[in-house]
């Protein structure tokens, strides 16, 4: 069986690795540092060293990495900048490890894995509920959704 790695993009995202009955699920590793702007504030960044540690033993000949396409919206400049920084960090690690990858729109996997006609605020709760039913071993994980797990399951079902 192919190893499927699903990454819910962003510094508040998760990563799921699925190979046969072995499933890994956790937060994307991050660190906080002071921003480089004039205003004193902190930013979250992907910890590429820890991400590489998580992915380094993956067989790159039989693996697919699904990366959720980042939200880019000029009206949400700060959030878009964070999403693009996170994407670049993930891409650097994935490309250094020579892992094949593709982008996945959230709507694609949500259409298959979540109920229809949910409002935006209902998506995270549905992701958590359905993810916990499908993967009860992770029900105690404190993350508010199971997006990367559902993305990986979507890829497994679609035989991507």
Foldseek 3Di string as FASTA:
>chain_A
DFWEWEWAFFQLIKIWIDDPPDIDIDGQAWDKDFDPDPDTDIDIAGPLVVVLVVVVPHDQVRYEYEYEDDDADPVPHVRNVRRVRRVVSVVVSCVVSNHHYDYDYLCVLCVVQFDPDDDPVCSLVRQLVSVCVVPVVCNPPPRSGNSRVSVRVSCVVVVD
